[in-house]
Amino acid sequence: MSRPRSNLARADASSPLVPILQSYLAREDAVATIGVGVADLLMKTAPNDAASTDAVVQFMKRKDQTSATRYSLMDGVMHVAKSHSREIGKVVAS
């Protein structure tokens, strides 16, 4: 039996939750599985939103990332960039 999908997974850039998720990535305790999940969700729901792109890029630049979180983030960026040809891939590649 499959799990029902969350409404958050179907959110888009106009969702009122997007600014909250962007703010979460700036928190000091955002590094870990939850932070990576939030970054992944922002990349999928708002890949062309400048504030979301900036939040993800700034999160990726944090010095307290582990190699596992960096790998997960890069994997997410590569997936979004390949499947959607979005701005996040361009910003990270530069």
C-alpha atoms as a PDB file:
ATOM      1  CA  MET A   1       0.000   0.000   0.000  1.00  0.00           C
ATOM      2  CA  SER A   2       1.469   3.344  -0.994  1.00  0.00           C
ATOM      3  CA  ARG A   3       1.622   6.378   1.230  1.00  0.00           C
ATOM      4  CA  PRO A   4      -0.690   9.255   0.356  1.00  0.00           C
ATOM      5  CA  ARG A   5       1.196  12.235  -1.014  1.00  0.00           C
ATOM      6  CA  SER A   6       1.319  15.384   1.039  1.00  0.00           C
ATOM      7  CA  ASN A   7      -0.293  18.570  -0.253  1.00  0.00           C
ATOM      8  CA  LEU A   8       3.088  20.179   0.305  1.00  0.00           C
ATOM      9  CA  ALA A   9       4.558  17.947  -2.379  1.00  0.00           C
ATOM     10  CA  ARG A  10       2.108  19.516  -4.840  1.00  0.00           C
ATOM     11  CA  ALA A  11       2.808  23.079  -3.740  1.00  0.00           C
ATOM     12  CA  ASP A  12       4.085  25.628  -6.213  1.00  0.00           C
ATOM     13  CA  ALA A  13       5.965  28.927  -5.987  1.00  0.00           C
ATOM     14  CA  SER A  14       2.763  30.776  -5.038  1.00  0.00           C
ATOM     15  CA  SER A  15       2.206  28.637  -1.942  1.00  0.00           C
ATOM     16  CA  PRO A  16       2.230  30.618   1.318  1.00  0.00           C
ATOM     17  CA  LEU A  17       4.564  27.939   2.705  1.00  0.00           C
ATOM     18  CA  VAL A  18       7.402  28.786   0.306  1.00  0.00           C
ATOM     19  CA  PRO A  19       8.621  31.878   2.258  1.00  0.00           C
ATOM     20  CA  ILE A  20       8.505  29.870   5.492  1.00  0.00           C
ATOM     21  CA  LEU A  21      10.628  27.132   3.921  1.00  0.00           C
ATOM     22  CA  GLN A  22      13.059  29.723   2.584  1.00  0.00           C
ATOM     23  CA  SER A  23      13.421  31.187   6.082  1.00  0.00           C
ATOM     24  CA  TYR A  24      13.960  27.747   7.584  1.00  0.00           C
ATOM     25  CA  LEU A  25      17.107  27.213   5.514  1.00  0.00           C
ATOM     26  CA  ALA A  26      18.740  30.256   7.145  1.00  0.00           C
ATOM     27  CA  ARG A  27      18.297  28.822  10.646  1.00  0.00           C
ATOM     28  CA  GLU A  28      21.403  27.524  12.383  1.00  0.00           C
ATOM     29  CA  ASP A  29      19.737  24.170  13.088  1.00  0.00           C
ATOM     30  CA  ALA A  30      18.684  23.635   9.475  1.00  0.00           C
ATOM     31  CA  VAL A  31      21.660  21.453   8.562  1.00  0.00           C
ATOM     32  CA  ALA A  32      20.714  17.789   8.545  1.00  0.00           C
ATOM     33  CA  THR A  33      18.139  15.640   6.869  1.00  0.00           C
ATOM     34  CA  ILE A  34      15.333  18.166   7.389  1.00  0.00           C
ATOM     35  CA  GLY A  35      17.315  21.037   5.834  1.00  0.00           C
ATOM     36  CA  VAL A  36      18.167  18.909   2.819  1.00  0.00           C
ATOM     37  CA  GLY A  37      14.500  17.924   2.514  1.00  0.00           C
ATOM     38  CA  VAL A  38      13.413  21.568   2.651  1.00  0.00           C
ATOM     39  CA  ALA A  39      15.997  22.547   0.030  1.00  0.00           C
ATOM     40  CA  ASP A  40      14.860  19.665  -2.194  1.00  0.00           C
ATOM     41  CA  LEU A  41      11.222  20.702  -1.801  1.00  0.00           C
ATOM     42  CA  LEU A  42      12.024  24.313  -2.703  1.00  0.00           C
ATOM     43  CA  MET A  43      13.954  23.207  -5.787  1.00  0.00           C
ATOM     44  CA  LYS A  44      10.991  21.148  -6.948  1.00  0.00           C
ATOM     45  CA  THR A  45       8.153  23.518  -6.065  1.00  0.00           C
ATOM     46  CA  ALA A  46       9.733  26.865  -6.912  1.00  0.00           C
ATOM     47  CA  PRO A  47      12.676  26.194  -9.252  1.00  0.00           C
ATOM     48  CA  ASN A  48      12.425  29.578 -10.982  1.00  0.00           C
ATOM     49  CA  ASP A  49      11.769  31.633  -7.859  1.00  0.00           C
ATOM     50  CA  ALA A  50      14.778  33.881  -7.161  1.00  0.00           C
ATOM     51  CA  ALA A  51      14.286  33.864  -3.382  1.00  0.00           C
ATOM     52  CA  SER A  52      14.049  30.058  -3.317  1.00  0.00           C
ATOM     53  CA  THR A  53      17.152  29.725  -5.482  1.00  0.00           C
ATOM     54  CA  ASP A  54      19.036  32.104  -3.202  1.00  0.00           C
ATOM     55  CA  ALA A  55      17.896  30.250  -0.057  1.00  0.00           C
ATOM     56  CA  VAL A  56      19.068  26.909  -1.471  1.00  0.00           C
ATOM     57  CA  VAL A  57      22.387  28.310  -2.718  1.00  0.00           C
ATOM     58  CA  GLN A  58      23.106  29.985   0.634  1.00  0.00           C
ATOM     59  CA  PHE A  59      22.197  26.752   2.426  1.00  0.00           C
ATOM     60  CA  MET A  60      24.607  24.831   0.205  1.00  0.00           C
ATOM     61  CA  LYS A  61      27.439  27.260   1.002  1.00  0.00           C
ATOM     62  CA  ARG A  62      27.218  26.743   4.750  1.00  0.00           C
ATOM     63  CA  LYS A  63      30.459  25.540   6.297  1.00  0.00           C
ATOM     64  CA  ASP A  64      28.686  23.098   8.614  1.00  0.00           C
ATOM     65  CA  GLN A  65      27.383  20.837   5.838  1.00  0.00           C
ATOM     66  CA  THR A  66      28.440  17.219   5.998  1.00  0.00           C
ATOM     67  CA  SER A  67      29.613  15.314   2.954  1.00  0.00           C
ATOM     68  CA  ALA A  68      26.337  13.355   3.060  1.00  0.00           C
ATOM     69  CA  THR A  69      24.187  16.499   3.013  1.00  0.00           C
ATOM     70  CA  ARG A  70      26.285  18.041   0.236  1.00  0.00           C
ATOM     71  CA  TYR A  71      25.886  14.883  -1.832  1.00  0.00           C
ATOM     72  CA  SER A  72      22.114  14.860  -1.282  1.00  0.00           C
ATOM     73  CA  LEU A  73      21.868  18.517  -2.224  1.00  0.00           C
ATOM     74  CA  MET A  74      23.923  18.108  -5.386  1.00  0.00           C
ATOM     75  CA  ASP A  75      21.878  15.084  -6.367  1.00  0.00           C
ATOM     76  CA  GLY A  76      18.704  17.139  -5.970  1.00  0.00           C
ATOM     77  CA  VAL A  77      20.129  20.049  -7.946  1.00  0.00           C
ATOM     78  CA  MET A  78      21.224  17.755 -10.769  1.00  0.00           C
ATOM     79  CA  HIS A  79      17.772  16.162 -10.915  1.00  0.00           C
ATOM     80  CA  VAL A  80      15.987  19.518 -11.020  1.00  0.00           C
ATOM     81  CA  ALA A  81      18.427  20.972 -13.563  1.00  0.00           C
ATOM     82  CA  LYS A  82      18.117  17.929 -15.854  1.00  0.00           C
ATOM     83  CA  SER A  83      14.386  17.424 -15.650  1.00  0.00           C
ATOM     84  CA  HIS A  84      13.310  21.053 -15.616  1.00  0.00           C
ATOM     85  CA  SER A  85      16.242  23.091 -16.985  1.00  0.00           C
ATOM     86  CA  ARG A  86      15.665  25.609 -14.222  1.00  0.00           C
ATOM     87  CA  GLU A  87      17.593  28.494 -12.748  1.00  0.00           C
ATOM     88  CA  ILE A  88      18.842  26.551  -9.714  1.00  0.00           C
ATOM     89  CA  GLY A  89      21.099  24.440 -11.893  1.00  0.00           C
ATOM     90  CA  LYS A  90      22.484  27.530 -13.626  1.00  0.00           C
ATOM     91  CA  VAL A  91      23.216  29.322 -10.363  1.00  0.00           C
ATOM     92  CA  VAL A  92      24.911  26.329  -8.749  1.00  0.00           C
ATOM     93  CA  ALA A  93      26.945  25.567 -11.864  1.00  0.00           C
ATOM     94  CA  SER A  94      28.359  29.088 -11.969  1.00  0.00           C
END
